[in-house]
Amino acid sequence: MTSINAIPLTTLQGADTTLGAFTGPVLVVNVASKCGLTPQYSGLEKIAEDYRDRGLTVVGVPCNQFMGQEPGTAEEIETFCSTTYGVTFPLLEKVDVNGGDRHPLYVELTQATDDSGEAGDVQWNFEKFLLDADGTVVRRFRPRTEPDAAEVIEAIEAVL
């Protein structure tokens, strides 16, 4: 069985990587530029800035599966994120998080349960998965949970 940290990924710029390339815990979030939840980019960037020096990496994963809310090219996504929200955290290539073409990363992530004990498909844009440095999912937060919610911050603090 392949470790979640060893699953091949591609950055938005086309470079090969893995979650294991990041040395500490990772917060993986499927993102979209034209969603009502898109302002969560601000909170994600704040978490990335606040916890970067303590080893946390926020990783954004663009997805266009929810009402076509991430239609842009890699260049358009990168420009939007950097100019609109000042995003400095890594972004991966656009992938499917649900369905028959679900990316292998999300095959693994969607096995994790949320606080109510439910696993399975990603519900919408901005679903969050907190992984420890070994690649184990320690918490799953549904889309409407804001990045700066107390339960997110407590979970991050616990894995650092």
C-alpha atoms as a PDB file:
ATOM      1  CA  MET A   1       0.000   0.000   0.000  1.00  0.00           C
ATOM      2  CA  THR A   2       1.304   3.440  -0.937  1.00  0.00           C
ATOM      3  CA  SER A   3       1.625   6.024   1.804  1.00  0.00           C
ATOM      4  CA  ILE A   4      -0.505   9.113   1.243  1.00  0.00           C
ATOM      5  CA  ASN A   5       2.744  11.106   1.456  1.00  0.00           C
ATOM      6  CA  ALA A   6       4.125   9.177  -1.559  1.00  0.00           C
ATOM      7  CA  ILE A   7       1.181   9.673  -3.946  1.00  0.00           C
ATOM      8  CA  PRO A   8       2.469  11.477  -7.054  1.00  0.00           C
ATOM      9  CA  LEU A   9       1.123  15.021  -7.370  1.00  0.00           C
ATOM     10  CA  THR A  10       1.691  17.846  -9.814  1.00  0.00           C
ATOM     11  CA  THR A  11       1.976  21.500  -8.858  1.00  0.00           C
ATOM     12  CA  LEU A  12      -0.024  24.176 -10.628  1.00  0.00           C
ATOM     13  CA  GLN A  13       3.208  25.032 -12.467  1.00  0.00           C
ATOM     14  CA  GLY A  14       3.556  21.439 -13.726  1.00  0.00           C
ATOM     15  CA  ALA A  15       6.313  20.192 -11.408  1.00  0.00           C
ATOM     16  CA  ASP A  16       6.182  16.726  -9.848  1.00  0.00           C
ATOM     17  CA  THR A  17       5.826  16.583  -6.077  1.00  0.00           C
ATOM     18  CA  THR A  18       4.276  14.640  -3.182  1.00  0.00           C
ATOM     19  CA  LEU A  19       2.845  15.613   0.184  1.00  0.00           C
ATOM     20  CA  GLY A  20       5.974  14.009   1.627  1.00  0.00           C
ATOM     21  CA  ALA A  21       7.959  16.884   0.107  1.00  0.00           C
ATOM     22  CA  PHE A  22       6.556  19.020   2.918  1.00  0.00           C
ATOM     23  CA  THR A  23       8.314  18.285   6.187  1.00  0.00           C
ATOM     24  CA  GLY A  24       5.474  18.783   8.651  1.00  0.00           C
ATOM     25  CA  PRO A  25       1.701  18.591   8.889  1.00  0.00           C
ATOM     26  CA  VAL A  26      -0.346  19.534   5.821  1.00  0.00           C
ATOM     27  CA  LEU A  27      -3.805  21.068   5.476  1.00  0.00           C
ATOM     28  CA  VAL A  28      -5.179  19.926   2.096  1.00  0.00           C
ATOM     29  CA  VAL A  29      -8.102  21.962   0.756  1.00  0.00           C
ATOM     30  CA  ASN A  30      -9.973  21.627  -2.543  1.00  0.00           C
ATOM     31  CA  VAL A  31     -10.400  25.182  -3.788  1.00  0.00           C
ATOM     32  CA  ALA A  32     -12.315  27.134  -6.416  1.00  0.00           C
ATOM     33  CA  SER A  33     -12.158  30.728  -7.650  1.00  0.00           C
ATOM     34  CA  LYS A  34     -15.853  31.329  -8.366  1.00  0.00           C
ATOM     35  CA  CYS A  35     -17.545  29.879  -5.283  1.00  0.00           C
ATOM     36  CA  GLY A  36     -19.459  31.545  -2.487  1.00  0.00           C
ATOM     37  CA  LEU A  37     -16.822  30.067  -0.164  1.00  0.00           C
ATOM     38  CA  THR A  38     -13.896  31.500  -2.155  1.00  0.00           C
ATOM     39  CA  PRO A  39     -13.264  34.190   0.521  1.00  0.00           C
ATOM     40  CA  GLN A  40     -11.933  31.309   2.650  1.00  0.00           C
ATOM     41  CA  TYR A  41      -8.696  31.829   0.691  1.00  0.00           C
ATOM     42  CA  SER A  42      -8.021  34.754   3.067  1.00  0.00           C
ATOM     43  CA  GLY A  43      -8.298  32.546   6.133  1.00  0.00           C
ATOM     44  CA  LEU A  44      -6.226  29.807   4.524  1.00  0.00           C
ATOM     45  CA  GLU A  45      -3.482  32.299   3.682  1.00  0.00           C
ATOM     46  CA  LYS A  46      -3.506  33.591   7.267  1.00  0.00           C
ATOM     47  CA  ILE A  47      -3.128  30.046   8.599  1.00  0.00           C
ATOM     48  CA  ALA A  48      -0.331  29.414   6.090  1.00  0.00           C
ATOM     49  CA  GLU A  49       1.470  32.556   7.266  1.00  0.00           C
ATOM     50  CA  ASP A  50       0.828  32.030  10.987  1.00  0.00           C
ATOM     51  CA  TYR A  51       1.954  28.402  11.072  1.00  0.00           C
ATOM     52  CA  ARG A  52       4.568  28.205   8.283  1.00  0.00           C
ATOM     53  CA  ASP A  53       7.467  28.680  10.702  1.00  0.00           C
ATOM     54  CA  ARG A  54       6.087  25.898  12.916  1.00  0.00           C
ATOM     55  CA  GLY A  55       6.031  23.429  10.022  1.00  0.00           C
ATOM     56  CA  LEU A  56       2.453  23.492   8.692  1.00  0.00           C
ATOM     57  CA  THR A  57       1.888  23.709   4.945  1.00  0.00           C
ATOM     58  CA  VAL A  58      -1.484  24.612   3.453  1.00  0.00           C
ATOM     59  CA  VAL A  59      -1.946  22.971   0.040  1.00  0.00           C
ATOM     60  CA  GLY A  60      -4.714  24.114  -2.298  1.00  0.00           C
ATOM     61  CA  VAL A  61      -6.141  21.667  -4.824  1.00  0.00           C
ATOM     62  CA  PRO A  62      -8.261  23.350  -7.507  1.00  0.00           C
ATOM     63  CA  CYS A  63     -11.336  21.392  -8.559  1.00  0.00           C
ATOM     64  CA  ASN A  64     -13.995  22.203 -11.144  1.00  0.00           C
ATOM     65  CA  GLN A  65     -16.499  19.506 -10.148  1.00  0.00           C
ATOM     66  CA  PHE A  66     -18.892  21.711  -8.198  1.00  0.00           C
ATOM     67  CA  MET A  67     -21.032  23.714 -10.633  1.00  0.00           C
ATOM     68  CA  GLY A  68     -17.965  24.566 -12.751  1.00  0.00           C
ATOM     69  CA  GLN A  69     -16.664  26.991 -10.139  1.00  0.00           C
ATOM     70  CA  GLU A  70     -12.982  26.542 -11.091  1.00  0.00           C
ATOM     71  CA  PRO A  71     -13.029  26.883 -14.894  1.00  0.00           C
ATOM     72  CA  GLY A  72      -9.684  28.654 -15.308  1.00  0.00           C
ATOM     73  CA  THR A  73      -6.377  27.510 -16.679  1.00  0.00           C
ATOM     74  CA  ALA A  74      -3.446  26.961 -14.338  1.00  0.00           C
ATOM     75  CA  GLU A  75      -2.172  30.459 -15.148  1.00  0.00           C
ATOM     76  CA  GLU A  76      -5.586  32.036 -14.526  1.00  0.00           C
ATOM     77  CA  ILE A  77      -5.960  30.217 -11.201  1.00  0.00           C
ATOM     78  CA  GLU A  78      -2.494  31.252 -10.066  1.00  0.00           C
ATOM     79  CA  THR A  79      -3.043  34.895 -11.060  1.00  0.00           C
ATOM     80  CA  PHE A  80      -6.455  35.025  -9.376  1.00  0.00           C
ATOM     81  CA  CYS A  81      -5.177  33.506  -6.140  1.00  0.00           C
ATOM     82  CA  SER A  82      -2.094  35.682  -5.870  1.00  0.00           C
ATOM     83  CA  THR A  83      -3.647  38.987  -6.917  1.00  0.00           C
ATOM     84  CA  THR A  84      -7.057  38.643  -5.240  1.00  0.00           C
ATOM     85  CA  TYR A  85      -6.111  36.874  -2.005  1.00  0.00           C
ATOM     86  CA  GLY A  86      -2.309  37.140  -1.815  1.00  0.00           C
ATOM     87  CA  VAL A  87      -2.004  33.357  -1.771  1.00  0.00           C
ATOM     88  CA  THR A  88       1.553  32.183  -1.151  1.00  0.00           C
ATOM     89  CA  PHE A  89       0.839  28.572  -0.201  1.00  0.00           C
ATOM     90  CA  PRO A  90       1.357  25.800  -2.786  1.00  0.00           C
ATOM     91  CA  LEU A  91      -1.365  25.016  -5.298  1.00  0.00           C
ATOM     92  CA  LEU A  92      -1.609  21.728  -7.154  1.00  0.00           C
ATOM     93  CA  GLU A  93      -2.989  21.060 -10.620  1.00  0.00           C
ATOM     94  CA  LYS A  94      -6.752  20.950 -11.048  1.00  0.00           C
ATOM     95  CA  VAL A  95      -8.110  17.461 -10.262  1.00  0.00           C
ATOM     96  CA  ASP A  96     -11.330  15.556  -9.661  1.00  0.00           C
ATOM     97  CA  VAL A  97     -12.021  14.923  -5.974  1.00  0.00           C
ATOM     98  CA  ASN A  98     -15.087  12.709  -6.535  1.00  0.00           C
ATOM     99  CA  GLY A  99     -16.292  10.178  -9.101  1.00  0.00           C
ATOM    100  CA  GLY A 100     -14.621   7.710 -11.414  1.00  0.00           C
ATOM    101  CA  ASP A 101     -11.686  10.017 -12.202  1.00  0.00           C
ATOM    102  CA  ARG A 102     -11.069  10.902  -8.546  1.00  0.00           C
ATOM    103  CA  HIS A 103      -7.379  11.650  -8.016  1.00  0.00           C
ATOM    104  CA  PRO A 104      -5.553   8.957  -5.971  1.00  0.00           C
ATOM    105  CA  LEU A 105      -4.930  11.550  -3.233  1.00  0.00           C
ATOM    106  CA  TYR A 106      -8.666  11.974  -2.801  1.00  0.00           C
ATOM    107  CA  VAL A 107      -9.256   8.211  -2.993  1.00  0.00           C
ATOM    108  CA  GLU A 108      -7.290   8.116   0.256  1.00  0.00           C
ATOM    109  CA  LEU A 109      -8.527  11.368   1.812  1.00  0.00           C
ATOM    110  CA  THR A 110     -12.216  10.581   1.357  1.00  0.00           C
ATOM    111  CA  GLN A 111     -11.835   7.450   3.472  1.00  0.00           C
ATOM    112  CA  ALA A 112     -11.370   9.722   6.495  1.00  0.00           C
ATOM    113  CA  THR A 113     -14.413  10.550   8.576  1.00  0.00           C
ATOM    114  CA  ASP A 114     -15.571  13.989   9.650  1.00  0.00           C
ATOM    115  CA  ASP A 115     -16.550  14.819  13.236  1.00  0.00           C
ATOM    116  CA  SER A 116     -19.972  13.207  12.751  1.00  0.00           C
ATOM    117  CA  GLY A 117     -18.363   9.945  11.614  1.00  0.00           C
ATOM    118  CA  GLU A 118     -19.164  10.338   7.907  1.00  0.00           C
ATOM    119  CA  ALA A 119     -16.607   9.450   5.240  1.00  0.00           C
ATOM    120  CA  GLY A 120     -17.070   9.481   1.478  1.00  0.00           C
ATOM    121  CA  ASP A 121     -17.343  12.116  -1.191  1.00  0.00           C
ATOM    122  CA  VAL A 122     -16.165  15.671  -0.781  1.00  0.00           C
ATOM    123  CA  GLN A 123     -19.332  17.738  -0.284  1.00  0.00           C
ATOM    124  CA  TRP A 124     -18.240  20.988  -1.962  1.00  0.00           C
ATOM    125  CA  ASN A 125     -15.340  23.355  -2.504  1.00  0.00           C
ATOM    126  CA  PHE A 126     -13.142  24.143   0.507  1.00  0.00           C
ATOM    127  CA  GLU A 127     -13.383  20.807   2.300  1.00  0.00           C
ATOM    128  CA  LYS A 128     -10.319  20.535   4.531  1.00  0.00           C
ATOM    129  CA  PHE A 129      -8.181  17.545   5.525  1.00  0.00           C
ATOM    130  CA  LEU A 130      -5.519  17.958   8.212  1.00  0.00           C
ATOM    131  CA  LEU A 131      -2.703  15.422   7.958  1.00  0.00           C
ATOM    132  CA  ASP A 132       0.102  14.875  10.426  1.00  0.00           C
ATOM    133  CA  ALA A 133       3.707  14.747   9.232  1.00  0.00           C
ATOM    134  CA  ASP A 134       3.374  10.991   8.594  1.00  0.00           C
ATOM    135  CA  GLY A 135       0.446  11.535   6.211  1.00  0.00           C
ATOM    136  CA  THR A 136      -2.288  10.305   8.540  1.00  0.00           C
ATOM    137  CA  VAL A 137      -5.549  12.246   8.306  1.00  0.00           C
ATOM    138  CA  VAL A 138      -6.178  13.551  11.813  1.00  0.00           C
ATOM    139  CA  ARG A 139      -9.267  15.708  11.131  1.00  0.00           C
ATOM    140  CA  ARG A 140     -11.673  16.342   8.287  1.00  0.00           C
ATOM    141  CA  PHE A 141     -13.578  19.609   8.130  1.00  0.00           C
ATOM    142  CA  ARG A 142     -16.544  20.111   5.837  1.00  0.00           C
ATOM    143  CA  PRO A 143     -16.657  23.116   3.470  1.00  0.00           C
ATOM    144  CA  ARG A 144     -18.575  25.569   5.648  1.00  0.00           C
ATOM    145  CA  THR A 145     -16.066  25.249   8.495  1.00  0.00           C
ATOM    146  CA  GLU A 146     -14.031  28.437   8.245  1.00  0.00           C
ATOM    147  CA  PRO A 147     -10.239  28.044   8.246  1.00  0.00           C
ATOM    148  CA  ASP A 148      -9.966  30.083  11.455  1.00  0.00           C
ATOM    149  CA  ALA A 149     -12.704  28.153  13.304  1.00  0.00           C
ATOM    150  CA  ALA A 150     -11.692  27.140  16.816  1.00  0.00           C
ATOM    151  CA  GLU A 151     -11.800  23.429  15.974  1.00  0.00           C
ATOM    152  CA  VAL A 152      -9.452  23.911  13.011  1.00  0.00           C
ATOM    153  CA  ILE A 153      -6.965  25.960  15.022  1.00  0.00           C
ATOM    154  CA  GLU A 154      -7.081  23.463  17.929  1.00  0.00           C
ATOM    155  CA  ALA A 155      -6.444  20.557  15.546  1.00  0.00           C
ATOM    156  CA  ILE A 156      -3.526  22.368  13.913  1.00  0.00           C
ATOM    157  CA  GLU A 157      -2.007  23.196  17.295  1.00  0.00           C
ATOM    158  CA  ALA A 158      -2.361  19.547  18.328  1.00  0.00           C
ATOM    159  CA  VAL A 159      -0.342  18.218  15.363  1.00  0.00           C
ATOM    160  CA  LEU A 160       2.479  20.765  15.595  1.00  0.00           C
END
